[in-house]
């Protein structure tokens, strides 16, 4: 399903805010849910799957857009939007004066002389962006906004929106850096980290609470999905939250739970391909794989 069809499926315009998209999804889900259509369960499951795909497509597309949608709305409960630095234009044909090799400051995001040591500059920039993203991931667990009931609290909704905003800004900045170096090692680090951020966001929008026990197929699929999701939660909580509070990293907890989560998600995918939970399962599987790549690359060096 392409992005245009996704908007049509949810019956919302492209200009709709994220809140409007979410509201439209919930209203349609309530109407098309199998519990509301017990005389045509298969049809209802198919419609729910389509809704899940459409919602995921729209929110993922918006995350990948460089322009942050409705930034004033996102920040209304979190203070004013961040002030953006303005770049200065160079005079065409005018030679630049190069600074001395010795630096008494870290290069800023618009340092025109970064090509003195481009990789050094990119590493410094990446380190700051990675810290910003990791701080946001820490807050995700600190305020337990993986729990949808708690996330619906207005205060926690504002925190979640700020987390998403920071992750999106880091994601786009790091993606741009991939094309700014020929160093394969740096490119791999930038690609793995940015992909992990994107897949984390997609997974954060997935439901983790069943709303009906009427359909045996969906119940069985959910039980497996939930088991895999609990293993994934233990893994990324250890990576982004628990190790910081404890002061040490239990690598085996993260690794073994990721392996288990990937295994269970794959079993769910193959065993229940027609379940309405197949969309969430696929997204969580992709995130678990991305997180495993991140763990193997960044924590085994």
C-alpha atoms as a PDB file:
ATOM      1  CA  UNK A   1       0.000   0.000   0.000  1.00  0.00           C
ATOM      2  CA  UNK A   2       1.547   3.323  -1.090  1.00  0.00           C
ATOM      3  CA  UNK A   3       1.277   6.554   0.880  1.00  0.00           C
ATOM      4  CA  UNK A   4      -1.596   7.983  -1.189  1.00  0.00           C
ATOM      5  CA  UNK A   5      -3.654   4.828  -0.708  1.00  0.00           C
ATOM      6  CA  UNK A   6      -2.824   4.910   3.009  1.00  0.00           C
ATOM      7  CA  UNK A   7      -4.382   8.367   3.358  1.00  0.00           C
ATOM      8  CA  UNK A   8      -7.449   7.185   1.421  1.00  0.00           C
ATOM      9  CA  UNK A   9      -7.788   4.110   3.630  1.00  0.00           C
ATOM     10  CA  UNK A  10      -7.931   6.258   6.772  1.00  0.00           C
ATOM     11  CA  UNK A  11     -10.001   8.889   4.939  1.00  0.00           C
ATOM     12  CA  UNK A  12      -7.764  11.774   6.002  1.00  0.00           C
ATOM     13  CA  UNK A  13      -6.042  14.482   3.915  1.00  0.00           C
ATOM     14  CA  UNK A  14      -2.274  14.705   3.686  1.00  0.00           C
ATOM     15  CA  UNK A  15      -2.468  17.948   5.673  1.00  0.00           C
ATOM     16  CA  UNK A  16      -4.017  16.203   8.693  1.00  0.00           C
ATOM     17  CA  UNK A  17      -2.069  16.447  11.943  1.00  0.00           C
ATOM     18  CA  UNK A  18      -0.677  13.329  13.580  1.00  0.00           C
ATOM     19  CA  UNK A  19      -3.409  13.590  16.187  1.00  0.00           C
ATOM     20  CA  UNK A  20      -6.073  13.660  13.461  1.00  0.00           C
ATOM     21  CA  UNK A  21      -4.552  10.611  11.760  1.00  0.00           C
ATOM     22  CA  UNK A  22      -4.505   8.723  15.053  1.00  0.00           C
ATOM     23  CA  UNK A  23      -8.087   9.726  15.804  1.00  0.00           C
ATOM     24  CA  UNK A  24      -9.286   8.588  12.355  1.00  0.00           C
ATOM     25  CA  UNK A  25      -7.493   5.249  12.806  1.00  0.00           C
ATOM     26  CA  UNK A  26      -9.147   4.640  16.193  1.00  0.00           C
ATOM     27  CA  UNK A  27     -12.604   5.533  14.892  1.00  0.00           C
ATOM     28  CA  UNK A  28     -12.329   3.196  11.907  1.00  0.00           C
ATOM     29  CA  UNK A  29     -10.813   0.433  14.025  1.00  0.00           C
ATOM     30  CA  UNK A  30     -13.766   0.647  16.409  1.00  0.00           C
ATOM     31  CA  UNK A  31     -16.180   0.357  13.469  1.00  0.00           C
ATOM     32  CA  UNK A  32     -14.385  -2.428  11.597  1.00  0.00           C
ATOM     33  CA  UNK A  33     -13.200  -4.494  14.558  1.00  0.00           C
ATOM     34  CA  UNK A  34     -14.095  -8.226  14.375  1.00  0.00           C
ATOM     35  CA  UNK A  35     -16.173  -7.865  17.554  1.00  0.00           C
ATOM     36  CA  UNK A  36     -18.409  -5.460  15.627  1.00  0.00           C
ATOM     37  CA  UNK A  37     -18.594  -7.773  12.619  1.00  0.00           C
ATOM     38  CA  UNK A  38     -18.986 -11.264  14.015  1.00  0.00           C
ATOM     39  CA  UNK A  39     -20.869 -12.475  10.966  1.00  0.00           C
ATOM     40  CA  UNK A  40     -17.866 -11.724   8.741  1.00  0.00           C
ATOM     41  CA  UNK A  41     -14.771 -12.253  10.861  1.00  0.00           C
ATOM     42  CA  UNK A  42     -12.384 -12.884   7.954  1.00  0.00           C
ATOM     43  CA  UNK A  43     -13.450  -9.649   6.276  1.00  0.00           C
ATOM     44  CA  UNK A  44     -13.020  -7.708   9.520  1.00  0.00           C
ATOM     45  CA  UNK A  45      -9.527  -9.130  10.071  1.00  0.00           C
ATOM     46  CA  UNK A  46      -8.556  -8.141   6.538  1.00  0.00           C
ATOM     47  CA  UNK A  47      -9.913  -4.621   7.049  1.00  0.00           C
ATOM     48  CA  UNK A  48      -8.097  -4.249  10.372  1.00  0.00           C
ATOM     49  CA  UNK A  49      -4.855  -5.373   8.777  1.00  0.00           C
ATOM     50  CA  UNK A  50      -5.333  -2.746   6.072  1.00  0.00           C
ATOM     51  CA  UNK A  51      -5.927  -0.066   8.697  1.00  0.00           C
ATOM     52  CA  UNK A  52      -2.788  -1.070  10.581  1.00  0.00           C
ATOM     53  CA  UNK A  53      -0.721  -0.967   7.393  1.00  0.00           C
ATOM     54  CA  UNK A  54      -2.120   2.441   6.419  1.00  0.00           C
ATOM     55  CA  UNK A  55      -1.472   3.961   9.841  1.00  0.00           C
ATOM     56  CA  UNK A  56       2.058   2.568   9.987  1.00  0.00           C
ATOM     57  CA  UNK A  57       2.795   3.814   6.456  1.00  0.00           C
ATOM     58  CA  UNK A  58       1.645   7.345   7.211  1.00  0.00           C
ATOM     59  CA  UNK A  59       3.462   7.710  10.520  1.00  0.00           C
ATOM     60  CA  UNK A  60       6.654   6.145   9.133  1.00  0.00           C
ATOM     61  CA  UNK A  61       6.508   8.394   6.067  1.00  0.00           C
ATOM     62  CA  UNK A  62       6.140  11.455   8.257  1.00  0.00           C
ATOM     63  CA  UNK A  63       9.056  10.422  10.454  1.00  0.00           C
ATOM     64  CA  UNK A  64      11.238  10.112   7.351  1.00  0.00           C
ATOM     65  CA  UNK A  65      10.215  13.536   6.068  1.00  0.00           C
ATOM     66  CA  UNK A  66      12.911  16.076   6.877  1.00  0.00           C
ATOM     67  CA  UNK A  67      10.385  18.810   7.626  1.00  0.00           C
ATOM     68  CA  UNK A  68       8.824  18.137  11.006  1.00  0.00           C
ATOM     69  CA  UNK A  69       5.058  18.120  10.648  1.00  0.00           C
ATOM     70  CA  UNK A  70       3.090  20.568  12.791  1.00  0.00           C
ATOM     71  CA  UNK A  71       6.104  21.470  14.906  1.00  0.00           C
ATOM     72  CA  UNK A  72       4.169  24.141  16.792  1.00  0.00           C
ATOM     73  CA  UNK A  73       1.575  21.546  17.786  1.00  0.00           C
ATOM     74  CA  UNK A  74       4.235  19.074  18.854  1.00  0.00           C
ATOM     75  CA  UNK A  75       5.870  21.654  21.091  1.00  0.00           C
ATOM     76  CA  UNK A  76       2.825  23.413  22.546  1.00  0.00           C
ATOM     77  CA  UNK A  77       3.183  21.625  25.904  1.00  0.00           C
ATOM     78  CA  UNK A  78       6.972  21.586  25.877  1.00  0.00           C
ATOM     79  CA  UNK A  79       7.962  25.214  25.538  1.00  0.00           C
ATOM     80  CA  UNK A  80       8.858  27.029  22.312  1.00  0.00           C
ATOM     81  CA  UNK A  81      10.283  25.131  19.326  1.00  0.00           C
ATOM     82  CA  UNK A  82      14.079  24.863  19.295  1.00  0.00           C
ATOM     83  CA  UNK A  83      15.877  27.792  17.676  1.00  0.00           C
ATOM     84  CA  UNK A  84      17.504  26.730  14.466  1.00  0.00           C
ATOM     85  CA  UNK A  85      20.956  28.000  13.518  1.00  0.00           C
ATOM     86  CA  UNK A  86      21.210  29.902  10.292  1.00  0.00           C
ATOM     87  CA  UNK A  87      23.991  29.215   7.857  1.00  0.00           C
ATOM     88  CA  UNK A  88      26.060  31.927   6.275  1.00  0.00           C
ATOM     89  CA  UNK A  89      26.501  32.002   2.544  1.00  0.00           C
ATOM     90  CA  UNK A  90      29.975  32.087   1.113  1.00  0.00           C
ATOM     91  CA  UNK A  91      30.843  34.560  -1.563  1.00  0.00           C
ATOM     92  CA  UNK A  92      31.162  32.599  -4.833  1.00  0.00           C
ATOM     93  CA  UNK A  93      34.756  32.340  -6.012  1.00  0.00           C
ATOM     94  CA  UNK A  94      36.211  33.759  -2.811  1.00  0.00           C
ATOM     95  CA  UNK A  95      38.952  31.649  -1.261  1.00  0.00           C
ATOM     96  CA  UNK A  96      38.291  30.472   2.263  1.00  0.00           C
ATOM     97  CA  UNK A  97      40.823  31.133   4.973  1.00  0.00           C
ATOM     98  CA  UNK A  98      41.736  27.894   6.683  1.00  0.00           C
ATOM     99  CA  UNK A  99      42.100  27.838  10.460  1.00  0.00           C
ATOM    100  CA  UNK A 100      45.093  26.495  12.268  1.00  0.00           C
ATOM    101  CA  UNK A 101      45.206  22.755  12.864  1.00  0.00           C
ATOM    102  CA  UNK A 102      44.972  23.259  16.622  1.00  0.00           C
ATOM    103  CA  UNK A 103      41.385  23.729  17.746  1.00  0.00           C
ATOM    104  CA  UNK A 104      40.218  25.223  21.009  1.00  0.00           C
ATOM    105  CA  UNK A 105      36.584  24.207  20.462  1.00  0.00           C
ATOM    106  CA  UNK A 106      34.511  21.362  19.090  1.00  0.00           C
ATOM    107  CA  UNK A 107      33.384  21.904  15.501  1.00  0.00           C
ATOM    108  CA  UNK A 108      29.817  23.166  15.274  1.00  0.00           C
ATOM    109  CA  UNK A 109      27.198  21.839  12.865  1.00  0.00           C
ATOM    110  CA  UNK A 110      27.914  24.662  10.414  1.00  0.00           C
ATOM    111  CA  UNK A 111      31.698  24.806  10.667  1.00  0.00           C
ATOM    112  CA  UNK A 112      32.827  25.604   7.113  1.00  0.00           C
ATOM    113  CA  UNK A 113      36.351  24.388   7.754  1.00  0.00           C
ATOM    114  CA  UNK A 114      35.429  20.878   8.802  1.00  0.00           C
ATOM    115  CA  UNK A 115      37.171  19.520   5.716  1.00  0.00           C
ATOM    116  CA  UNK A 116      40.502  20.074   7.539  1.00  0.00           C
ATOM    117  CA  UNK A 117      39.721  16.703   9.006  1.00  0.00           C
ATOM    118  CA  UNK A 118      36.328  15.642   7.704  1.00  0.00           C
ATOM    119  CA  UNK A 119      36.131  12.269   9.447  1.00  0.00           C
ATOM    120  CA  UNK A 120      37.141  13.801  12.760  1.00  0.00           C
ATOM    121  CA  UNK A 121      34.389  16.372  12.356  1.00  0.00           C
ATOM    122  CA  UNK A 122      31.794  13.733  11.455  1.00  0.00           C
ATOM    123  CA  UNK A 123      32.756  11.559  14.418  1.00  0.00           C
ATOM    124  CA  UNK A 124      32.376  14.532  16.770  1.00  0.00           C
ATOM    125  CA  UNK A 125      29.053  15.475  15.221  1.00  0.00           C
ATOM    126  CA  UNK A 126      27.789  11.882  15.315  1.00  0.00           C
ATOM    127  CA  UNK A 127      28.765  11.530  18.970  1.00  0.00           C
ATOM    128  CA  UNK A 128      26.616  14.534  19.892  1.00  0.00           C
ATOM    129  CA  UNK A 129      23.665  13.370  17.813  1.00  0.00           C
ATOM    130  CA  UNK A 130      23.934   9.870  19.235  1.00  0.00           C
ATOM    131  CA  UNK A 131      23.953  11.264  22.781  1.00  0.00           C
ATOM    132  CA  UNK A 132      20.836  13.310  22.022  1.00  0.00           C
ATOM    133  CA  UNK A 133      19.052  10.257  20.628  1.00  0.00           C
ATOM    134  CA  UNK A 134      20.125   8.058  23.554  1.00  0.00           C
ATOM    135  CA  UNK A 135      18.914  10.665  26.043  1.00  0.00           C
ATOM    136  CA  UNK A 136      15.510  10.581  24.337  1.00  0.00           C
ATOM    137  CA  UNK A 137      15.448   6.785  24.387  1.00  0.00           C
ATOM    138  CA  UNK A 138      16.271   6.887  28.093  1.00  0.00           C
ATOM    139  CA  UNK A 139      13.265   9.171  28.717  1.00  0.00           C
ATOM    140  CA  UNK A 140      11.035   6.734  26.839  1.00  0.00           C
ATOM    141  CA  UNK A 141      11.660   4.168  29.578  1.00  0.00           C
ATOM    142  CA  UNK A 142      12.059   6.650  32.430  1.00  0.00           C
ATOM    143  CA  UNK A 143       8.456   7.809  32.001  1.00  0.00           C
ATOM    144  CA  UNK A 144       7.159   4.358  30.942  1.00  0.00           C
ATOM    145  CA  UNK A 145       5.621   5.785  27.778  1.00  0.00           C
ATOM    146  CA  UNK A 146       5.912   2.391  26.139  1.00  0.00           C
ATOM    147  CA  UNK A 147       2.664   1.853  28.068  1.00  0.00           C
ATOM    148  CA  UNK A 148      -0.172   3.270  25.945  1.00  0.00           C
ATOM    149  CA  UNK A 149      -2.393   3.965  28.958  1.00  0.00           C
ATOM    150  CA  UNK A 150       0.311   6.133  30.539  1.00  0.00           C
ATOM    151  CA  UNK A 151       1.136   7.724  27.181  1.00  0.00           C
ATOM    152  CA  UNK A 152      -2.436   9.017  26.894  1.00  0.00           C
ATOM    153  CA  UNK A 153      -1.821  11.206  29.937  1.00  0.00           C
ATOM    154  CA  UNK A 154      -1.414  14.780  28.527  1.00  0.00           C
ATOM    155  CA  UNK A 155       1.928  15.280  30.284  1.00  0.00           C
ATOM    156  CA  UNK A 156       3.319  11.990  28.999  1.00  0.00           C
ATOM    157  CA  UNK A 157       1.935  12.698  25.517  1.00  0.00           C
ATOM    158  CA  UNK A 158       4.037  15.858  25.485  1.00  0.00           C
ATOM    159  CA  UNK A 159       7.109  13.883  26.591  1.00  0.00           C
ATOM    160  CA  UNK A 160       6.524  11.273  23.899  1.00  0.00           C
ATOM    161  CA  UNK A 161       6.157  13.961  21.222  1.00  0.00           C
ATOM    162  CA  UNK A 162       9.428  15.538  22.348  1.00  0.00           C
ATOM    163  CA  UNK A 163      11.160  12.146  22.246  1.00  0.00           C
ATOM    164  CA  UNK A 164       9.907  11.584  18.690  1.00  0.00           C
ATOM    165  CA  UNK A 165      10.938  15.091  17.630  1.00  0.00           C
ATOM    166  CA  UNK A 166      14.491  14.639  18.952  1.00  0.00           C
ATOM    167  CA  UNK A 167      14.809  11.199  17.371  1.00  0.00           C
ATOM    168  CA  UNK A 168      13.551  12.492  14.039  1.00  0.00           C
ATOM    169  CA  UNK A 169      16.001  15.404  14.027  1.00  0.00           C
ATOM    170  CA  UNK A 170      18.913  13.101  14.916  1.00  0.00           C
ATOM    171  CA  UNK A 171      17.791  10.604  12.282  1.00  0.00           C
ATOM    172  CA  UNK A 172      17.846  13.151   9.454  1.00  0.00           C
ATOM    173  CA  UNK A 173      21.138  14.709  10.524  1.00  0.00           C
ATOM    174  CA  UNK A 174      22.866  11.306  10.655  1.00  0.00           C
ATOM    175  CA  UNK A 175      21.351  10.165   7.348  1.00  0.00           C
ATOM    176  CA  UNK A 176      22.880  13.215   5.663  1.00  0.00           C
ATOM    177  CA  UNK A 177      26.281  12.396   7.119  1.00  0.00           C
ATOM    178  CA  UNK A 178      26.355   9.041   5.305  1.00  0.00           C
ATOM    179  CA  UNK A 179      26.925  10.876   2.023  1.00  0.00           C
ATOM    180  CA  UNK A 180      29.609  13.125   3.513  1.00  0.00           C
ATOM    181  CA  UNK A 181      32.281  10.468   3.892  1.00  0.00           C
ATOM    182  CA  UNK A 182      33.841   7.649   1.876  1.00  0.00           C
ATOM    183  CA  UNK A 183      34.957   5.881   5.041  1.00  0.00           C
ATOM    184  CA  UNK A 184      33.089   2.541   4.988  1.00  0.00           C
ATOM    185  CA  UNK A 185      33.361   2.101   8.751  1.00  0.00           C
ATOM    186  CA  UNK A 186      31.789   5.479   9.477  1.00  0.00           C
ATOM    187  CA  UNK A 187      29.098   4.938   6.859  1.00  0.00           C
ATOM    188  CA  UNK A 188      28.193   1.624   8.475  1.00  0.00           C
ATOM    189  CA  UNK A 189      27.943   3.181  11.935  1.00  0.00           C
ATOM    190  CA  UNK A 190      25.787   6.037  10.652  1.00  0.00           C
ATOM    191  CA  UNK A 191      23.535   3.675   8.703  1.00  0.00           C
ATOM    192  CA  UNK A 192      23.057   1.155  11.529  1.00  0.00           C
ATOM    193  CA  UNK A 193      22.298   3.821  14.141  1.00  0.00           C
ATOM    194  CA  UNK A 194      19.899   5.831  11.981  1.00  0.00           C
ATOM    195  CA  UNK A 195      18.065   2.677  10.916  1.00  0.00           C
ATOM    196  CA  UNK A 196      17.737   1.621  14.556  1.00  0.00           C
ATOM    197  CA  UNK A 197      16.217   5.011  15.455  1.00  0.00           C
ATOM    198  CA  UNK A 198      13.676   4.733  12.645  1.00  0.00           C
ATOM    199  CA  UNK A 199      12.691   1.161  13.495  1.00  0.00           C
ATOM    200  CA  UNK A 200      12.445   2.036  17.196  1.00  0.00           C
ATOM    201  CA  UNK A 201       9.938   4.761  16.390  1.00  0.00           C
ATOM    202  CA  UNK A 202       7.842   2.445  14.217  1.00  0.00           C
ATOM    203  CA  UNK A 203       7.841  -0.174  16.974  1.00  0.00           C
ATOM    204  CA  UNK A 204       6.852   2.420  19.579  1.00  0.00           C
ATOM    205  CA  UNK A 205       3.589   2.996  17.685  1.00  0.00           C
ATOM    206  CA  UNK A 206       2.652  -0.710  17.725  1.00  0.00           C
ATOM    207  CA  UNK A 207      -0.075  -1.923  20.058  1.00  0.00           C
ATOM    208  CA  UNK A 208       0.911  -4.290  22.840  1.00  0.00           C
ATOM    209  CA  UNK A 209      -2.469  -4.863  24.498  1.00  0.00           C
ATOM    210  CA  UNK A 210      -5.162  -7.092  23.006  1.00  0.00           C
ATOM    211  CA  UNK A 211      -8.648  -5.571  22.900  1.00  0.00           C
ATOM    212  CA  UNK A 212     -10.677  -8.703  22.232  1.00  0.00           C
ATOM    213  CA  UNK A 213     -10.542 -12.416  22.984  1.00  0.00           C
ATOM    214  CA  UNK A 214     -13.374 -13.342  20.610  1.00  0.00           C
ATOM    215  CA  UNK A 215     -11.217 -14.521  17.705  1.00  0.00           C
ATOM    216  CA  UNK A 216      -9.152 -17.656  18.594  1.00  0.00           C
ATOM    217  CA  UNK A 217      -6.735 -17.039  15.689  1.00  0.00           C
ATOM    218  CA  UNK A 218      -5.936 -13.534  16.867  1.00  0.00           C
ATOM    219  CA  UNK A 219      -5.681 -14.645  20.484  1.00  0.00           C
ATOM    220  CA  UNK A 220      -3.099 -17.311  19.642  1.00  0.00           C
ATOM    221  CA  UNK A 221      -1.176 -14.903  17.408  1.00  0.00           C
ATOM    222  CA  UNK A 222      -1.229 -12.216  20.099  1.00  0.00           C
ATOM    223  CA  UNK A 223       0.092 -14.573  22.766  1.00  0.00           C
ATOM    224  CA  UNK A 224       3.122 -15.365  20.647  1.00  0.00           C
ATOM    225  CA  UNK A 225       3.545 -11.726  19.617  1.00  0.00           C
ATOM    226  CA  UNK A 226       3.341 -10.633  23.254  1.00  0.00           C
ATOM    227  CA  UNK A 227       5.967 -13.172  24.276  1.00  0.00           C
ATOM    228  CA  UNK A 228       8.331 -11.870  21.598  1.00  0.00           C
ATOM    229  CA  UNK A 229       7.520  -8.275  22.533  1.00  0.00           C
ATOM    230  CA  UNK A 230       8.365  -8.908  26.193  1.00  0.00           C
ATOM    231  CA  UNK A 231      11.764 -10.322  25.189  1.00  0.00           C
ATOM    232  CA  UNK A 232      12.384  -7.311  22.945  1.00  0.00           C
ATOM    233  CA  UNK A 233      11.373  -4.950  25.753  1.00  0.00           C
ATOM    234  CA  UNK A 234      13.856  -6.534  28.173  1.00  0.00           C
ATOM    235  CA  UNK A 235      16.592  -6.134  25.562  1.00  0.00           C
ATOM    236  CA  UNK A 236      16.117  -2.489  24.623  1.00  0.00           C
ATOM    237  CA  UNK A 237      15.354  -1.473  28.210  1.00  0.00           C
ATOM    238  CA  UNK A 238      18.724  -2.963  29.225  1.00  0.00           C
ATOM    239  CA  UNK A 239      20.499  -1.162  26.382  1.00  0.00           C
ATOM    240  CA  UNK A 240      18.934   2.283  26.756  1.00  0.00           C
ATOM    241  CA  UNK A 241      17.877   2.487  30.404  1.00  0.00           C
ATOM    242  CA  UNK A 242      18.837  -0.172  32.966  1.00  0.00           C
ATOM    243  CA  UNK A 243      22.577  -0.178  32.279  1.00  0.00           C
ATOM    244  CA  UNK A 244      22.778   3.572  32.904  1.00  0.00           C
ATOM    245  CA  UNK A 245      20.983   3.292  36.234  1.00  0.00           C
ATOM    246  CA  UNK A 246      23.004   0.250  37.279  1.00  0.00           C
ATOM    247  CA  UNK A 247      26.354   1.560  36.085  1.00  0.00           C
ATOM    248  CA  UNK A 248      27.182  -1.657  34.244  1.00  0.00           C
ATOM    249  CA  UNK A 249      25.982  -3.379  31.103  1.00  0.00           C
ATOM    250  CA  UNK A 250      24.603  -6.906  31.141  1.00  0.00           C
ATOM    251  CA  UNK A 251      25.311  -7.691  27.538  1.00  0.00           C
ATOM    252  CA  UNK A 252      24.000 -11.249  27.775  1.00  0.00           C
ATOM    253  CA  UNK A 253      20.535 -10.027  28.836  1.00  0.00           C
ATOM    254  CA  UNK A 254      20.229  -7.788  25.802  1.00  0.00           C
ATOM    255  CA  UNK A 255      21.673 -10.296  23.350  1.00  0.00           C
ATOM    256  CA  UNK A 256      19.780 -13.393  24.509  1.00  0.00           C
ATOM    257  CA  UNK A 257      16.460 -11.566  24.649  1.00  0.00           C
ATOM    258  CA  UNK A 258      16.952 -10.121  21.182  1.00  0.00           C
ATOM    259  CA  UNK A 259      17.701 -13.568  19.769  1.00  0.00           C
ATOM    260  CA  UNK A 260      14.603 -14.935  21.484  1.00  0.00           C
ATOM    261  CA  UNK A 261      12.418 -12.077  20.319  1.00  0.00           C
ATOM    262  CA  UNK A 262      13.528 -12.472  16.713  1.00  0.00           C
ATOM    263  CA  UNK A 263      12.836 -16.207  16.901  1.00  0.00           C
ATOM    264  CA  UNK A 264       9.329 -15.738  18.298  1.00  0.00           C
ATOM    265  CA  UNK A 265       8.384 -12.986  15.861  1.00  0.00           C
ATOM    266  CA  UNK A 266       9.445 -15.195  12.961  1.00  0.00           C
ATOM    267  CA  UNK A 267       7.359 -18.089  14.291  1.00  0.00           C
ATOM    268  CA  UNK A 268       4.362 -15.740  14.587  1.00  0.00           C
ATOM    269  CA  UNK A 269       4.886 -14.467  11.037  1.00  0.00           C
ATOM    270  CA  UNK A 270       4.968 -17.950   9.564  1.00  0.00           C
ATOM    271  CA  UNK A 271       2.293 -19.485  11.768  1.00  0.00           C
ATOM    272  CA  UNK A 272      -0.338 -16.727  11.679  1.00  0.00           C
ATOM    273  CA  UNK A 273       0.018 -14.864   8.357  1.00  0.00           C
ATOM    274  CA  UNK A 274      -3.693 -13.921   8.297  1.00  0.00           C
ATOM    275  CA  UNK A 275      -3.868 -12.597  11.831  1.00  0.00           C
ATOM    276  CA  UNK A 276      -4.581  -8.892  12.360  1.00  0.00           C
ATOM    277  CA  UNK A 277      -1.406  -8.862  14.497  1.00  0.00           C
ATOM    278  CA  UNK A 278       0.801  -9.604  11.508  1.00  0.00           C
ATOM    279  CA  UNK A 279       1.555  -5.912  10.883  1.00  0.00           C
ATOM    280  CA  UNK A 280       2.766  -5.271  14.428  1.00  0.00           C
ATOM    281  CA  UNK A 281       4.739  -8.524  14.361  1.00  0.00           C
ATOM    282  CA  UNK A 282       6.548  -7.542  11.157  1.00  0.00           C
ATOM    283  CA  UNK A 283       7.436  -4.092  12.508  1.00  0.00           C
ATOM    284  CA  UNK A 284       8.704  -5.476  15.813  1.00  0.00           C
ATOM    285  CA  UNK A 285      10.758  -8.103  13.967  1.00  0.00           C
ATOM    286  CA  UNK A 286      12.408  -5.430  11.818  1.00  0.00           C
ATOM    287  CA  UNK A 287      13.201  -3.383  14.916  1.00  0.00           C
ATOM    288  CA  UNK A 288      14.608  -6.405  16.784  1.00  0.00           C
ATOM    289  CA  UNK A 289      16.913  -7.138  13.836  1.00  0.00           C
ATOM    290  CA  UNK A 290      18.025  -3.490  13.662  1.00  0.00           C
ATOM    291  CA  UNK A 291      18.669  -3.430  17.400  1.00  0.00           C
ATOM    292  CA  UNK A 292      20.705  -6.639  17.154  1.00  0.00           C
ATOM    293  CA  UNK A 293      22.863  -5.048  14.444  1.00  0.00           C
ATOM    294  CA  UNK A 294      23.302  -1.992  16.656  1.00  0.00           C
ATOM    295  CA  UNK A 295      24.248  -4.131  19.655  1.00  0.00           C
ATOM    296  CA  UNK A 296      26.745  -6.201  17.681  1.00  0.00           C
ATOM    297  CA  UNK A 297      28.398  -3.171  16.073  1.00  0.00           C
ATOM    298  CA  UNK A 298      28.506  -0.655  18.929  1.00  0.00           C
ATOM    299  CA  UNK A 299      28.978  -2.912  21.951  1.00  0.00           C
ATOM    300  CA  UNK A 300      31.441  -5.464  20.599  1.00  0.00           C
ATOM    301  CA  UNK A 301      34.180  -3.039  19.639  1.00  0.00           C
END
